[in-house]
C-alpha atoms as a PDB file:
ATOM      1  CA  MET A   1     -11.271   1.340   4.874  1.00  0.00           C
ATOM      2  CA  ALA A   2     -11.392  -2.382   4.225  1.00  0.00           C
ATOM      3  CA  GLY A   3     -10.576  -4.873   7.003  1.00  0.00           C
ATOM      4  CA  LEU A   4      -6.770  -4.970   7.552  1.00  0.00           C
ATOM      5  CA  ALA A   5      -7.267  -8.932   7.883  1.00  0.00           C
ATOM      6  CA  GLY A   6      -8.591  -8.960   4.346  1.00  0.00           C
ATOM      7  CA  LEU A   7      -6.225  -6.780   2.689  1.00  0.00           C
ATOM      8  CA  LEU A   8      -3.547  -9.209   4.289  1.00  0.00           C
ATOM      9  CA  SER A   9      -5.062 -12.516   3.184  1.00  0.00           C
ATOM     10  CA  ALA A  10      -3.237 -14.468   0.651  1.00  0.00           C
ATOM     11  CA  CYS A  11      -4.116 -13.761  -3.129  1.00  0.00           C
ATOM     12  CA  ALA A  12      -2.746 -14.844  -6.418  1.00  0.00           C
ATOM     13  CA  SER A  13       0.607 -12.822  -6.976  1.00  0.00           C
ATOM     14  CA  THR A  14       0.328 -11.641 -10.542  1.00  0.00           C
ATOM     15  CA  SER A  15      -0.747  -8.687 -12.541  1.00  0.00           C
ATOM     16  CA  TYR A  16      -3.624  -7.537 -14.559  1.00  0.00           C
ATOM     17  CA  LEU A  17      -3.844  -5.556 -17.642  1.00  0.00           C
ATOM     18  CA  ARG A  18      -7.353  -4.283 -18.950  1.00  0.00           C
ATOM     19  CA  PRO A  19      -8.088  -5.958 -22.383  1.00  0.00           C
ATOM     20  CA  GLY A  20      -6.991  -3.276 -25.066  1.00  0.00           C
ATOM     21  CA  PHE A  21      -4.616  -1.518 -23.006  1.00  0.00           C
ATOM     22  CA  ARG A  22      -0.787  -1.175 -23.129  1.00  0.00           C
ATOM     23  CA  LEU A  23       1.555   0.123 -20.661  1.00  0.00           C
ATOM     24  CA  ALA A  24       3.770   1.706 -23.191  1.00  0.00           C
ATOM     25  CA  GLU A  25       0.914   3.939 -24.031  1.00  0.00           C
ATOM     26  CA  VAL A  26       1.185   6.265 -20.804  1.00  0.00           C
ATOM     27  CA  GLN A  27       3.985   8.219 -19.842  1.00  0.00           C
ATOM     28  CA  ASN A  28       4.525  11.281 -17.468  1.00  0.00           C
ATOM     29  CA  LEU A  29       2.016   9.792 -14.762  1.00  0.00           C
ATOM     30  CA  VAL A  30       0.989  11.655 -11.778  1.00  0.00           C
ATOM     31  CA  PHE A  31       0.850   9.297  -8.767  1.00  0.00           C
ATOM     32  CA  THR A  32      -1.622   9.705  -5.681  1.00  0.00           C
ATOM     33  CA  PRO A  33      -0.194  10.271  -2.065  1.00  0.00           C
ATOM     34  CA  PRO A  34       0.579   6.506  -0.965  1.00  0.00           C
ATOM     35  CA  MET A  35      -1.622   5.051   1.616  1.00  0.00           C
ATOM     36  CA  SER A  36      -0.941   2.556   4.231  1.00  0.00           C
ATOM     37  CA  ALA A  37      -2.358   0.957   7.365  1.00  0.00           C
ATOM     38  CA  VAL A  38       0.178  -0.701   9.684  1.00  0.00           C
ATOM     39  CA  ALA A  39      -0.824  -2.578  12.690  1.00  0.00           C
ATOM     40  CA  ILE A  40       1.289  -3.575  15.785  1.00  0.00           C
ATOM     41  CA  VAL A  41       0.676  -6.557  17.535  1.00  0.00           C
ATOM     42  CA  ARG A  42       0.908  -5.609  21.485  1.00  0.00           C
ATOM     43  CA  THR A  43       0.982  -7.520  24.917  1.00  0.00           C
ATOM     44  CA  GLY A  44      -2.192  -9.462  25.244  1.00  0.00           C
ATOM     45  CA  TYR A  45      -2.803 -10.504  21.604  1.00  0.00           C
ATOM     46  CA  HIS A  46      -4.085  -7.123  20.599  1.00  0.00           C
ATOM     47  CA  THR A  47      -3.504  -5.853  17.328  1.00  0.00           C
ATOM     48  CA  VAL A  48      -4.331  -2.427  16.543  1.00  0.00           C
ATOM     49  CA  VAL A  49      -3.452  -0.057  13.747  1.00  0.00           C
ATOM     50  CA  ASP A  50      -0.727   2.450  14.788  1.00  0.00           C
ATOM     51  CA  SER A  51      -1.188   6.112  13.582  1.00  0.00           C
ATOM     52  CA  GLN A  52       2.854   6.668  14.014  1.00  0.00           C
ATOM     53  CA  ALA A  53       3.670   3.235  12.404  1.00  0.00           C
ATOM     54  CA  THR A  54       1.278   4.053   9.543  1.00  0.00           C
ATOM     55  CA  ALA A  55       2.878   7.497   8.925  1.00  0.00           C
ATOM     56  CA  THR A  56       6.392   5.964   8.807  1.00  0.00           C
ATOM     57  CA  SER A  57       5.161   3.414   6.202  1.00  0.00           C
ATOM     58  CA  VAL A  58       3.593   6.044   4.013  1.00  0.00           C
ATOM     59  CA  SER A  59       7.126   8.112   3.956  1.00  0.00           C
ATOM     60  CA  LEU A  60       8.885   5.054   3.225  1.00  0.00           C
ATOM     61  CA  LEU A  61       6.571   4.279   0.360  1.00  0.00           C
ATOM     62  CA  ARG A  62       6.813   8.024  -1.091  1.00  0.00           C
ATOM     63  CA  LYS A  63      10.627   7.582  -0.850  1.00  0.00           C
ATOM     64  CA  THR A  64      10.429   4.145  -2.562  1.00  0.00           C
ATOM     65  CA  LEU A  65       8.249   5.640  -5.367  1.00  0.00           C
ATOM     66  CA  VAL A  66      10.350   8.659  -6.047  1.00  0.00           C
ATOM     67  CA  ARG A  67      13.374   6.080  -6.240  1.00  0.00           C
ATOM     68  CA  HIS A  68      11.704   4.263  -9.155  1.00  0.00           C
ATOM     69  CA  ARG A  69      10.259   7.176 -10.852  1.00  0.00           C
ATOM     70  CA  PHE A  70      12.112   6.675 -13.970  1.00  0.00           C
ATOM     71  CA  GLN A  71      11.054   3.248 -14.113  1.00  0.00           C
ATOM     72  CA  LEU A  72       7.356   3.952 -13.796  1.00  0.00           C
ATOM     73  CA  GLY A  73       7.460   6.992 -15.791  1.00  0.00           C
ATOM     74  CA  LEU A  74       6.248   9.190 -12.852  1.00  0.00           C
ATOM     75  CA  GLN A  75       6.069  13.046 -13.241  1.00  0.00           C
ATOM     76  CA  GLN A  76       4.639  14.402  -9.992  1.00  0.00           C
ATOM     77  CA  GLU A  77       2.526  13.760  -6.873  1.00  0.00           C
ATOM     78  CA  LEU A  78      -1.237  14.220  -7.521  1.00  0.00           C
ATOM     79  CA  ALA A  79      -2.677  16.996  -5.042  1.00  0.00           C
ATOM     80  CA  VAL A  80      -5.238  15.607  -3.122  1.00  0.00           C
ATOM     81  CA  PRO A  81      -6.953  18.172  -0.695  1.00  0.00           C
ATOM     82  CA  ASP A  82      -6.981  17.088   3.135  1.00  0.00           C
ATOM     83  CA  SER A  83     -10.851  17.305   3.057  1.00  0.00           C
ATOM     84  CA  LEU A  84     -10.992  14.402   0.465  1.00  0.00           C
ATOM     85  CA  ARG A  85      -8.308  11.991   1.660  1.00  0.00           C
ATOM     86  CA  PRO A  86     -10.467  10.056   3.967  1.00  0.00           C
ATOM     87  CA  ALA A  87     -12.970   9.263   1.102  1.00  0.00           C
ATOM     88  CA  ALA A  88     -10.144   8.681  -1.124  1.00  0.00           C
ATOM     89  CA  ARG A  89      -8.555   6.214   0.963  1.00  0.00           C
ATOM     90  CA  GLN A  90     -12.009   4.376   1.446  1.00  0.00           C
ATOM     91  CA  GLU A  91     -12.548   3.874  -2.303  1.00  0.00           C
ATOM     92  CA  ILE A  92      -9.159   3.123  -3.206  1.00  0.00           C
ATOM     93  CA  TYR A  93      -8.926   0.336  -0.486  1.00  0.00           C
ATOM     94  CA  ARG A  94     -12.196  -1.031  -1.708  1.00  0.00           C
ATOM     95  CA  ALA A  95     -11.088  -1.070  -5.272  1.00  0.00           C
ATOM     96  CA  VAL A  96      -8.290  -3.170  -4.082  1.00  0.00           C
ATOM     97  CA  GLU A  97     -10.523  -5.624  -2.268  1.00  0.00           C
ATOM     98  CA  GLY A  98     -12.716  -5.919  -5.352  1.00  0.00           C
ATOM     99  CA  ILE A  99      -9.748  -6.827  -7.541  1.00  0.00           C
ATOM    100  CA  LYS A 100      -8.564  -9.291  -4.925  1.00  0.00           C
ATOM    101  CA  THR A 101     -12.234 -10.898  -4.810  1.00  0.00           C
ATOM    102  CA  HIS A 102     -12.799 -10.808  -8.464  1.00  0.00           C
ATOM    103  CA  PRO A 103      -9.243 -10.475 -10.271  1.00  0.00           C
ATOM    104  CA  ARG A 104     -10.113  -9.133 -13.456  1.00  0.00           C
ATOM    105  CA  LEU A 105     -10.313  -5.780 -14.870  1.00  0.00           C
ATOM    106  CA  ALA A 106     -13.030  -5.830 -17.654  1.00  0.00           C
ATOM    107  CA  GLY A 107     -15.266  -3.777 -15.911  1.00  0.00           C
ATOM    108  CA  GLY A 108     -15.542  -0.223 -14.529  1.00  0.00           C
ATOM    109  CA  ALA A 109     -14.459   1.422 -11.153  1.00  0.00           C
ATOM    110  CA  GLN A 110     -16.046   3.465  -8.577  1.00  0.00           C
ATOM    111  CA  LEU A 111     -13.576   5.935  -7.584  1.00  0.00           C
ATOM    112  CA  PRO A 112     -15.446   9.374  -7.897  1.00  0.00           C
ATOM    113  CA  VAL A 113     -13.043  11.151  -5.412  1.00  0.00           C
ATOM    114  CA  LEU A 114     -10.175  10.218  -8.015  1.00  0.00           C
ATOM    115  CA  ASP A 115     -12.004  11.185 -10.799  1.00  0.00           C
ATOM    116  CA  TYR A 116     -13.050  14.711  -9.434  1.00  0.00           C
ATOM    117  CA  VAL A 117      -9.302  15.092  -8.469  1.00  0.00           C
ATOM    118  CA  LEU A 118      -7.811  14.150 -11.836  1.00  0.00           C
ATOM    119  CA  ASP A 119     -10.293  16.149 -13.736  1.00  0.00           C
ATOM    120  CA  LYS A 120      -9.561  19.478 -11.623  1.00  0.00           C
ATOM    121  CA  GLN A 121      -5.841  18.792 -12.642  1.00  0.00           C
ATOM    122  CA  HIS A 122      -6.280  18.208 -16.198  1.00  0.00           C
ATOM    123  CA  GLN A 123      -4.988  14.571 -15.645  1.00  0.00           C
ATOM    124  CA  ARG A 124      -6.427  11.417 -17.085  1.00  0.00           C
ATOM    125  CA  TYR A 125      -4.057   8.619 -15.582  1.00  0.00           C
ATOM    126  CA  ALA A 126      -2.992   8.123 -11.829  1.00  0.00           C
ATOM    127  CA  LEU A 127      -0.921   5.581 -10.423  1.00  0.00           C
ATOM    128  CA  VAL A 128      -2.210   4.585  -6.866  1.00  0.00           C
ATOM    129  CA  THR A 129      -0.109   2.753  -4.382  1.00  0.00           C
ATOM    130  CA  ALA A 130      -1.661   1.442  -1.369  1.00  0.00           C
ATOM    131  CA  ALA A 131      -0.315  -0.904   1.551  1.00  0.00           C
ATOM    132  CA  ALA A 132      -1.354  -2.881   4.715  1.00  0.00           C
ATOM    133  CA  GLY A 133       0.965  -4.662   7.021  1.00  0.00           C
ATOM    134  CA  PHE A 134       1.572  -5.543  10.529  1.00  0.00           C
ATOM    135  CA  THR A 135       4.678  -6.358  12.808  1.00  0.00           C
ATOM    136  CA  GLN A 136       5.257  -8.068  16.050  1.00  0.00           C
ATOM    137  CA  GLU A 137       8.828  -6.853  16.473  1.00  0.00           C
ATOM    138  CA  VAL A 138       9.323  -4.597  19.741  1.00  0.00           C
ATOM    139  CA  THR A 139       9.702  -0.939  18.272  1.00  0.00           C
ATOM    140  CA  LYS A 140       9.807   2.625  19.558  1.00  0.00           C
ATOM    141  CA  TYR A 141       6.197   2.449  18.939  1.00  0.00           C
ATOM    142  CA  ASP A 142       5.526  -0.390  21.380  1.00  0.00           C
ATOM    143  CA  ILE A 143       7.046   0.974  24.459  1.00  0.00           C
ATOM    144  CA  ARG A 144       4.414   1.344  27.046  1.00  0.00           C
ATOM    145  CA  ARG A 145       4.318   3.898  30.206  1.00  0.00           C
ATOM    146  CA  THR A 146       4.380   2.637  33.736  1.00  0.00           C
ATOM    147  CA  GLN A 147       1.579   4.003  35.929  1.00  0.00           C
ATOM    148  CA  SER A 148       4.088   6.700  37.051  1.00  0.00           C
ATOM    149  CA  GLY A 149       4.432   8.183  33.676  1.00  0.00           C
ATOM    150  CA  ASN A 150       7.925   6.793  33.058  1.00  0.00           C
ATOM    151  CA  ARG A 151       8.753   4.452  30.171  1.00  0.00           C
ATOM    152  CA  SER A 152       9.371   0.960  30.893  1.00  0.00           C
ATOM    153  CA  LEU A 153      11.193  -1.674  28.965  1.00  0.00           C
ATOM    154  CA  PRO A 154       9.437  -2.750  25.896  1.00  0.00           C
ATOM    155  CA  ALA A 155       6.511  -4.936  26.541  1.00  0.00           C
ATOM    156  CA  ALA A 156       6.608  -8.647  25.449  1.00  0.00           C
ATOM    157  CA  VAL A 157       4.996  -9.300  22.289  1.00  0.00           C
ATOM    158  CA  ARG A 158       3.211 -12.512  21.794  1.00  0.00           C
ATOM    159  CA  THR A 159       1.523 -14.254  18.940  1.00  0.00           C
ATOM    160  CA  PRO A 160      -2.395 -14.909  18.919  1.00  0.00           C
ATOM    161  CA  GLY A 161      -3.020 -18.513  20.372  1.00  0.00           C
ATOM    162  CA  PRO A 162      -0.671 -20.856  22.261  1.00  0.00           C
ATOM    163  CA  GLY A 163       3.173 -21.404  21.951  1.00  0.00           C
ATOM    164  CA  PRO A 164       6.275 -19.558  22.188  1.00  0.00           C
ATOM    165  CA  VAL A 165       6.531 -16.036  21.358  1.00  0.00           C
ATOM    166  CA  VAL A 166       7.638 -15.480  17.628  1.00  0.00           C
ATOM    167  CA  ALA A 167       8.477 -12.251  15.950  1.00  0.00           C
ATOM    168  CA  HIS A 168       6.353 -12.025  12.568  1.00  0.00           C
ATOM    169  CA  ALA A 169       6.009  -9.229  10.139  1.00  0.00           C
ATOM    170  CA  LYS A 170       4.126  -8.796   6.875  1.00  0.00           C
ATOM    171  CA  SER A 171       3.868  -6.114   4.379  1.00  0.00           C
ATOM    172  CA  ASN A 172       1.499  -6.055   1.254  1.00  0.00           C
ATOM    173  CA  ILE A 173       1.836  -3.730  -1.516  1.00  0.00           C
ATOM    174  CA  TYR A 174      -0.963  -2.972  -4.190  1.00  0.00           C
ATOM    175  CA  LEU A 175      -0.425  -0.902  -7.078  1.00  0.00           C
ATOM    176  CA  PHE A 176      -2.657   0.065  -9.865  1.00  0.00           C
ATOM    177  CA  LEU A 177      -3.098   2.378 -12.783  1.00  0.00           C
ATOM    178  CA  TYR A 178      -6.491   4.209 -13.164  1.00  0.00           C
ATOM    179  CA  ASP A 179      -7.754   5.792 -16.321  1.00  0.00           C
ATOM    180  CA  ARG A 180     -10.471   8.823 -15.746  1.00  0.00           C
ATOM    181  CA  GLU A 181     -11.600   8.611 -19.307  1.00  0.00           C
ATOM    182  CA  ARG A 182     -12.540   5.042 -19.372  1.00  0.00           C
ATOM    183  CA  GLN A 183     -13.211   5.245 -15.418  1.00  0.00           C
ATOM    184  CA  ALA A 184     -11.679   2.026 -14.987  1.00  0.00           C
ATOM    185  CA  ILE A 185      -8.513   0.376 -13.532  1.00  0.00           C
ATOM    186  CA  VAL A 186      -6.313  -0.582 -16.655  1.00  0.00           C
ATOM    187  CA  TYR A 187      -3.464  -2.265 -14.686  1.00  0.00           C
ATOM    188  CA  TYR A 188      -3.153  -3.899 -11.235  1.00  0.00           C
ATOM    189  CA  THR A 189      -0.464  -5.563  -9.423  1.00  0.00           C
ATOM    190  CA  SER A 190       0.629  -6.496  -6.013  1.00  0.00           C
ATOM    191  CA  THR A 191       3.398  -8.061  -4.026  1.00  0.00           C
ATOM    192  CA  VAL A 192       3.821 -11.647  -3.200  1.00  0.00           C
ATOM    193  CA  PRO A 193       1.472 -12.367   0.010  1.00  0.00           C
ATOM    194  CA  THR A 194       3.278 -15.330   1.331  1.00  0.00           C
ATOM    195  CA  GLU A 195       6.539 -13.704   2.043  1.00  0.00           C
ATOM    196  CA  GLU A 196       7.425 -12.024   5.372  1.00  0.00           C
ATOM    197  CA  HIS A 197       8.534  -8.536   5.141  1.00  0.00           C
ATOM    198  CA  ASN A 198       8.635  -5.755   7.980  1.00  0.00           C
ATOM    199  CA  PRO A 199       6.612  -2.999   6.661  1.00  0.00           C
ATOM    200  CA  LEU A 200       8.766  -0.507   8.606  1.00  0.00           C
ATOM    201  CA  ASP A 201      12.106  -1.585   7.096  1.00  0.00           C
ATOM    202  CA  GLU A 202      13.127   0.344   4.056  1.00  0.00           C
ATOM    203  CA  ALA A 203      15.454  -2.357   2.543  1.00  0.00           C
ATOM    204  CA  SER A 204      12.846  -4.810   2.714  1.00  0.00           C
ATOM    205  CA  LEU A 205      10.252  -2.390   1.403  1.00  0.00           C
ATOM    206  CA  GLU A 206      12.643  -1.637  -1.611  1.00  0.00           C
ATOM    207  CA  GLY A 207      13.306  -5.151  -2.055  1.00  0.00           C
ATOM    208  CA  GLN A 208       9.480  -6.156  -2.294  1.00  0.00           C
ATOM    209  CA  PHE A 209       9.051  -3.020  -4.736  1.00  0.00           C
ATOM    210  CA  SER A 210      11.626  -4.031  -7.029  1.00  0.00           C
ATOM    211  CA  GLN A 211      10.374  -7.515  -7.429  1.00  0.00           C
ATOM    212  CA  MET A 212       6.764  -6.439  -7.916  1.00  0.00           C
ATOM    213  CA  LEU A 213       7.947  -3.999 -10.901  1.00  0.00           C
ATOM    214  CA  ARG A 214      10.619  -6.413 -12.605  1.00  0.00           C
ATOM    215  CA  LYS A 215       8.055  -8.126 -15.096  1.00  0.00           C
ATOM    216  CA  ASP A 216       6.096  -5.176 -16.397  1.00  0.00           C
ATOM    217  CA  PHE A 217       8.504  -2.166 -15.997  1.00  0.00           C
ATOM    218  CA  PRO A 218      11.964  -2.964 -16.912  1.00  0.00           C
ATOM    219  CA  VAL A 219      14.421  -0.612 -15.561  1.00  0.00           C
ATOM    220  CA  VAL A 220      15.671   2.010 -18.024  1.00  0.00           C
ATOM    221  CA  PRO A 221      18.728   4.206 -17.942  1.00  0.00           C
ATOM    222  CA  HIS A 222      18.587   7.700 -17.276  1.00  0.00           C
END
């Protein structure tokens, strides 16, 4: 997977549409299992991707996608075999990094695992959601054990560098639409990178998601 620092770096907050493609053409989309990487800033300035925090983030992303299923025209989640998930994760984050580096959708995309899964399930399009974030808040994931094995009070959380302890959090969400026939990403959008959001806060995540979709996916009654 691409480095967390790269995924969290600032980029233009806008959406991109492949020339000749219209979002209105696509209905009843499948969506891939959401992917995430959430780091916890721990005592001593160490930042590590935390498996429990990441799992919580994935669960919140899935709930958010389901809440917006009518707005996005979603039908069902794409079944990705466990054996293929690491490779799918790697290629999806690589695709996100590619768009951040070269923000255009004129060329193709190298997503062989997604191609394979879509072909096996007779699907042309897939909506892909990936996220990356960190939190310096003291949570249940950031409680260290004492030498005796008993749980201690939460460890202090520091920011890298001198100065007072400050709690920060960042959450970036990336969403794109992949077309298997074209072997190309035909739509891409992301959240505003400069805003501060906690990736483990459901209300904050919902606000990010709603803002990200507002321009290109108007809310439809159901």
